[in-house]
Amino acid sequence: MTQLSLRPMADSEYEAFRSKSIAEYAKVNVEAGNWLEEESMELSRHELQQLLPQGRETPGVLLLSADNSDGEYVGYLWIGLDRPGTSKPLAWIYDIEVAQEQRGKGYGRALLRAAEEETLKNGVPTLGLNVFGNNHVARKLYESSGYSITQMAMSKQLGVEEDSE
């Protein structure tokens, strides 16, 4: 079993995480057809500001970096310990990422396990997450780790049909 140690995200790690998160969240929302490209960066910045109004110090949020047993950085977790809009205690993984050079070594599963442990340590019995439909690797990881679909949004890109007179 792959071992990790978690620690609070450092200031420099947070700044890199913030920049990358804004860009990636904008990109996946454009790819998913949720946002127009020209508005995506602003919408992404706005959502991140809403979720992390005090940055690393936002109450009820865990921003954790993960290191392997050799002390090498392998990835991070962003967990909200109280999911707005739910009536039962529910924590939420807003982001989980394994560093590119560390992928394929079992760290994704280890990070997910660490997220579950941290959530339980904080007294929250349920952990949820969102995964975009085209992220097949992540979907397979979550399903094989016991996560099940609780909602599903679907869409279809419709072509513009020309008049046939």
C-alpha atoms as a PDB file:
ATOM      1  CA  MET A   1       0.000   0.000   0.000  1.00  0.00           C
ATOM      2  CA  THR A   2       1.354   3.421  -0.994  1.00  0.00           C
ATOM      3  CA  GLN A   3       2.078   5.602   2.036  1.00  0.00           C
ATOM      4  CA  LEU A   4       1.643   9.366   2.159  1.00  0.00           C
ATOM      5  CA  SER A   5       2.051  12.044   4.751  1.00  0.00           C
ATOM      6  CA  LEU A   6      -0.201  15.076   4.638  1.00  0.00           C
ATOM      7  CA  ARG A   7       0.689  18.592   5.694  1.00  0.00           C
ATOM      8  CA  PRO A   8      -0.936  22.006   5.349  1.00  0.00           C
ATOM      9  CA  MET A   9      -0.315  23.527   1.929  1.00  0.00           C
ATOM     10  CA  ALA A  10       2.529  26.067   2.054  1.00  0.00           C
ATOM     11  CA  ASP A  11       1.987  29.638   0.827  1.00  0.00           C
ATOM     12  CA  SER A  12       3.976  29.033  -2.361  1.00  0.00           C
ATOM     13  CA  GLU A  13       2.079  25.786  -3.009  1.00  0.00           C
ATOM     14  CA  TYR A  14      -1.215  27.591  -2.456  1.00  0.00           C
ATOM     15  CA  GLU A  15      -0.369  30.283  -5.012  1.00  0.00           C
ATOM     16  CA  ALA A  16       0.558  27.628  -7.603  1.00  0.00           C
ATOM     17  CA  PHE A  17      -2.586  25.625  -6.732  1.00  0.00           C
ATOM     18  CA  ARG A  18      -4.793  28.725  -7.037  1.00  0.00           C
ATOM     19  CA  SER A  19      -3.449  29.712 -10.466  1.00  0.00           C
ATOM     20  CA  LYS A  20      -3.628  26.175 -11.802  1.00  0.00           C
ATOM     21  CA  SER A  21      -7.101  25.560 -10.359  1.00  0.00           C
ATOM     22  CA  ILE A  22      -8.540  28.672 -11.976  1.00  0.00           C
ATOM     23  CA  ALA A  23      -7.129  27.773 -15.392  1.00  0.00           C
ATOM     24  CA  GLU A  24      -8.072  24.080 -15.239  1.00  0.00           C
ATOM     25  CA  TYR A  25     -11.576  24.681 -13.888  1.00  0.00           C
ATOM     26  CA  ALA A  26     -12.202  27.203 -16.662  1.00  0.00           C
ATOM     27  CA  LYS A  27     -10.923  24.725 -19.257  1.00  0.00           C
ATOM     28  CA  VAL A  28     -13.016  21.748 -18.107  1.00  0.00           C
ATOM     29  CA  ASN A  29     -16.156  23.859 -17.918  1.00  0.00           C
ATOM     30  CA  VAL A  30     -15.623  25.053 -21.489  1.00  0.00           C
ATOM     31  CA  GLU A  31     -14.956  21.461 -22.631  1.00  0.00           C
ATOM     32  CA  ALA A  32     -18.085  20.272 -20.819  1.00  0.00           C
ATOM     33  CA  GLY A  33     -20.145  22.935 -22.566  1.00  0.00           C
ATOM     34  CA  ASN A  34     -21.024  24.765 -19.344  1.00  0.00           C
ATOM     35  CA  TRP A  35     -19.242  28.052 -20.074  1.00  0.00           C
ATOM     36  CA  LEU A  36     -18.179  30.113 -23.055  1.00  0.00           C
ATOM     37  CA  GLU A  37     -14.413  30.370 -23.411  1.00  0.00           C
ATOM     38  CA  GLU A  38     -14.354  34.167 -23.286  1.00  0.00           C
ATOM     39  CA  GLU A  39     -16.046  34.229 -19.871  1.00  0.00           C
ATOM     40  CA  SER A  40     -14.519  31.093 -18.374  1.00  0.00           C
ATOM     41  CA  MET A  41     -11.508  32.569 -16.554  1.00  0.00           C
ATOM     42  CA  GLU A  42     -13.601  35.222 -14.829  1.00  0.00           C
ATOM     43  CA  LEU A  43     -16.263  32.688 -13.820  1.00  0.00           C
ATOM     44  CA  SER A  44     -13.597  30.335 -12.524  1.00  0.00           C
ATOM     45  CA  ARG A  45     -11.911  33.108 -10.495  1.00  0.00           C
ATOM     46  CA  HIS A  46     -15.279  34.089  -9.049  1.00  0.00           C
ATOM     47  CA  GLU A  47     -16.148  30.522  -7.994  1.00  0.00           C
ATOM     48  CA  LEU A  48     -12.763  30.005  -6.354  1.00  0.00           C
ATOM     49  CA  GLN A  49     -13.137  33.297  -4.462  1.00  0.00           C
ATOM     50  CA  GLN A  50     -16.599  32.203  -3.263  1.00  0.00           C
ATOM     51  CA  LEU A  51     -15.262  28.848  -2.037  1.00  0.00           C
ATOM     52  CA  LEU A  52     -11.984  30.133  -0.569  1.00  0.00           C
ATOM     53  CA  PRO A  53     -12.702  33.721   0.540  1.00  0.00           C
ATOM     54  CA  GLN A  54      -9.837  33.627   3.054  1.00  0.00           C
ATOM     55  CA  GLY A  55      -7.507  31.519   0.941  1.00  0.00           C
ATOM     56  CA  ARG A  56      -5.654  28.869   2.941  1.00  0.00           C
ATOM     57  CA  GLU A  57      -7.244  30.215   6.120  1.00  0.00           C
ATOM     58  CA  THR A  58     -10.855  29.692   5.019  1.00  0.00           C
ATOM     59  CA  PRO A  59     -12.719  28.004   7.902  1.00  0.00           C
ATOM     60  CA  GLY A  60     -14.047  24.495   7.235  1.00  0.00           C
ATOM     61  CA  VAL A  61     -11.579  23.858   4.428  1.00  0.00           C
ATOM     62  CA  LEU A  62      -8.605  21.517   4.283  1.00  0.00           C
ATOM     63  CA  LEU A  63      -5.882  22.408   1.782  1.00  0.00           C
ATOM     64  CA  LEU A  64      -3.312  19.667   2.155  1.00  0.00           C
ATOM     65  CA  SER A  65      -0.142  18.724   0.329  1.00  0.00           C
ATOM     66  CA  ALA A  66       0.990  15.112   0.218  1.00  0.00           C
ATOM     67  CA  ASP A  67       4.541  13.786   0.332  1.00  0.00           C
ATOM     68  CA  ASN A  68       5.692  10.209  -0.212  1.00  0.00           C
ATOM     69  CA  SER A  69       7.875   8.245   2.206  1.00  0.00           C
ATOM     70  CA  ASP A  70      10.992   9.809   0.595  1.00  0.00           C
ATOM     71  CA  GLY A  71       9.676  13.309   1.348  1.00  0.00           C
ATOM     72  CA  GLU A  72       8.886  14.038  -2.312  1.00  0.00           C
ATOM     73  CA  TYR A  73       5.821  16.102  -3.126  1.00  0.00           C
ATOM     74  CA  VAL A  74       3.202  13.930  -4.858  1.00  0.00           C
ATOM     75  CA  GLY A  75       0.003  15.957  -4.899  1.00  0.00           C
ATOM     76  CA  TYR A  76      -2.682  17.805  -2.989  1.00  0.00           C
ATOM     77  CA  LEU A  77      -6.220  17.668  -1.603  1.00  0.00           C
ATOM     78  CA  TRP A  78      -8.857  20.370  -1.284  1.00  0.00           C
ATOM     79  CA  ILE A  79     -11.692  19.277   0.976  1.00  0.00           C
ATOM     80  CA  GLY A  80     -14.643  21.314   2.194  1.00  0.00           C
ATOM     81  CA  LEU A  81     -15.915  19.881   5.467  1.00  0.00           C
ATOM     82  CA  ASP A  82     -19.473  21.182   5.025  1.00  0.00           C
ATOM     83  CA  ARG A  83     -21.135  20.988   1.618  1.00  0.00           C
ATOM     84  CA  PRO A  84     -23.575  23.899   1.202  1.00  0.00           C
ATOM     85  CA  GLY A  85     -27.099  22.946   0.220  1.00  0.00           C
ATOM     86  CA  THR A  86     -27.159  19.551   1.921  1.00  0.00           C
ATOM     87  CA  SER A  87     -29.231  18.594   4.941  1.00  0.00           C
ATOM     88  CA  LYS A  88     -26.894  15.899   6.242  1.00  0.00           C
ATOM     89  CA  PRO A  89     -23.209  16.141   7.166  1.00  0.00           C
ATOM     90  CA  LEU A  90     -21.282  15.884   3.915  1.00  0.00           C
ATOM     91  CA  ALA A  91     -17.682  16.794   3.130  1.00  0.00           C
ATOM     92  CA  TRP A  92     -16.697  17.490  -0.462  1.00  0.00           C
ATOM     93  CA  ILE A  93     -13.532  16.906  -2.427  1.00  0.00           C
ATOM     94  CA  TYR A  94     -13.251  20.026  -4.533  1.00  0.00           C
ATOM     95  CA  ASP A  95      -9.934  18.976  -5.995  1.00  0.00           C
ATOM     96  CA  ILE A  96      -7.528  16.084  -5.763  1.00  0.00           C
ATOM     97  CA  GLU A  97      -4.438  15.910  -7.894  1.00  0.00           C
ATOM     98  CA  VAL A  98      -1.343  13.798  -8.278  1.00  0.00           C
ATOM     99  CA  ALA A  99       1.689  15.613  -9.692  1.00  0.00           C
ATOM    100  CA  GLN A 100       2.265  14.678 -13.335  1.00  0.00           C
ATOM    101  CA  GLU A 101       5.634  13.010 -12.676  1.00  0.00           C
ATOM    102  CA  GLN A 102       4.147  10.938  -9.836  1.00  0.00           C
ATOM    103  CA  ARG A 103       1.189   9.450 -11.731  1.00  0.00           C
ATOM    104  CA  GLY A 104       0.821   5.711 -12.212  1.00  0.00           C
ATOM    105  CA  LYS A 105       2.402   4.891  -8.844  1.00  0.00           C
ATOM    106  CA  GLY A 106      -0.748   4.410  -6.758  1.00  0.00           C
ATOM    107  CA  TYR A 107      -0.776   7.918  -5.287  1.00  0.00           C
ATOM    108  CA  GLY A 108      -4.260   8.750  -6.602  1.00  0.00           C
ATOM    109  CA  ARG A 109      -5.792   5.925  -4.597  1.00  0.00           C
ATOM    110  CA  ALA A 110      -3.605   6.820  -1.594  1.00  0.00           C
ATOM    111  CA  LEU A 111      -4.705  10.472  -1.780  1.00  0.00           C
ATOM    112  CA  LEU A 112      -8.336   9.419  -1.959  1.00  0.00           C
ATOM    113  CA  ARG A 113      -7.861   7.187   1.083  1.00  0.00           C
ATOM    114  CA  ALA A 114      -6.133  10.069   2.908  1.00  0.00           C
ATOM    115  CA  ALA A 115      -9.074  12.363   2.063  1.00  0.00           C
ATOM    116  CA  GLU A 116     -11.456   9.812   3.591  1.00  0.00           C
ATOM    117  CA  GLU A 117      -9.329   9.536   6.750  1.00  0.00           C
ATOM    118  CA  GLU A 118      -9.099  13.324   7.150  1.00  0.00           C
ATOM    119  CA  THR A 119     -12.840  13.677   6.652  1.00  0.00           C
ATOM    120  CA  LEU A 120     -13.562  11.099   9.360  1.00  0.00           C
ATOM    121  CA  LYS A 121     -10.998  12.727  11.699  1.00  0.00           C
ATOM    122  CA  ASN A 122     -12.992  15.924  11.332  1.00  0.00           C
ATOM    123  CA  GLY A 123     -16.224  14.172  12.314  1.00  0.00           C
ATOM    124  CA  VAL A 124     -17.893  14.050   8.911  1.00  0.00           C
ATOM    125  CA  PRO A 125     -19.251  10.599   7.977  1.00  0.00           C
ATOM    126  CA  THR A 126     -19.816  11.112   4.232  1.00  0.00           C
ATOM    127  CA  LEU A 127     -17.519  12.311   1.475  1.00  0.00           C
ATOM    128  CA  GLY A 128     -18.657  13.335  -1.990  1.00  0.00           C
ATOM    129  CA  LEU A 129     -17.064  14.658  -5.145  1.00  0.00           C
ATOM    130  CA  ASN A 130     -17.806  15.667  -8.697  1.00  0.00           C
ATOM    131  CA  VAL A 131     -16.078  14.213 -11.719  1.00  0.00           C
ATOM    132  CA  PHE A 132     -16.511  15.397 -15.273  1.00  0.00           C
ATOM    133  CA  GLY A 133     -17.866  12.698 -17.570  1.00  0.00           C
ATOM    134  CA  ASN A 134     -14.863  12.722 -19.887  1.00  0.00           C
ATOM    135  CA  ASN A 135     -12.388  12.058 -17.051  1.00  0.00           C
ATOM    136  CA  HIS A 136     -12.396   8.273 -17.443  1.00  0.00           C
ATOM    137  CA  VAL A 137      -9.300   7.617 -15.320  1.00  0.00           C
ATOM    138  CA  ALA A 138     -10.734   9.468 -12.325  1.00  0.00           C
ATOM    139  CA  ARG A 139     -14.163   7.887 -12.753  1.00  0.00           C
ATOM    140  CA  LYS A 140     -12.618   4.413 -12.727  1.00  0.00           C
ATOM    141  CA  LEU A 141     -10.616   5.249  -9.578  1.00  0.00           C
ATOM    142  CA  TYR A 142     -13.674   6.572  -7.734  1.00  0.00           C
ATOM    143  CA  GLU A 143     -15.931   3.697  -8.761  1.00  0.00           C
ATOM    144  CA  SER A 144     -13.319   1.096  -7.778  1.00  0.00           C
ATOM    145  CA  SER A 145     -12.949   2.889  -4.422  1.00  0.00           C
ATOM    146  CA  GLY A 146     -16.643   2.484  -3.609  1.00  0.00           C
ATOM    147  CA  TYR A 147     -18.056   5.812  -4.765  1.00  0.00           C
ATOM    148  CA  SER A 148     -21.427   5.670  -6.452  1.00  0.00           C
ATOM    149  CA  ILE A 149     -23.339   8.068  -8.653  1.00  0.00           C
ATOM    150  CA  THR A 150     -25.762  10.214  -6.662  1.00  0.00           C
ATOM    151  CA  GLN A 151     -26.657  12.622  -9.478  1.00  0.00           C
ATOM    152  CA  MET A 152     -25.948  12.700 -13.150  1.00  0.00           C
ATOM    153  CA  ALA A 153     -26.224  15.619 -15.515  1.00  0.00           C
ATOM    154  CA  MET A 154     -26.244  14.855 -19.213  1.00  0.00           C
ATOM    155  CA  SER A 155     -26.205  17.016 -22.304  1.00  0.00           C
ATOM    156  CA  LYS A 156     -26.121  16.659 -26.037  1.00  0.00           C
ATOM    157  CA  GLN A 157     -24.547  19.121 -28.440  1.00  0.00           C
ATOM    158  CA  LEU A 158     -27.157  19.847 -31.036  1.00  0.00           C
ATOM    159  CA  GLY A 159     -26.128  20.838 -34.531  1.00  0.00           C
ATOM    160  CA  VAL A 160     -27.781  23.649 -36.361  1.00  0.00           C
ATOM    161  CA  GLU A 161     -29.985  22.185 -39.054  1.00  0.00           C
ATOM    162  CA  GLU A 162     -30.411  24.110 -42.254  1.00  0.00           C
ATOM    163  CA  ASP A 163     -33.824  24.650 -43.749  1.00  0.00           C
ATOM    164  CA  SER A 164     -34.572  22.098 -46.440  1.00  0.00           C
ATOM    165  CA  GLU A 165     -36.952  23.886 -48.771  1.00  0.00           C
END
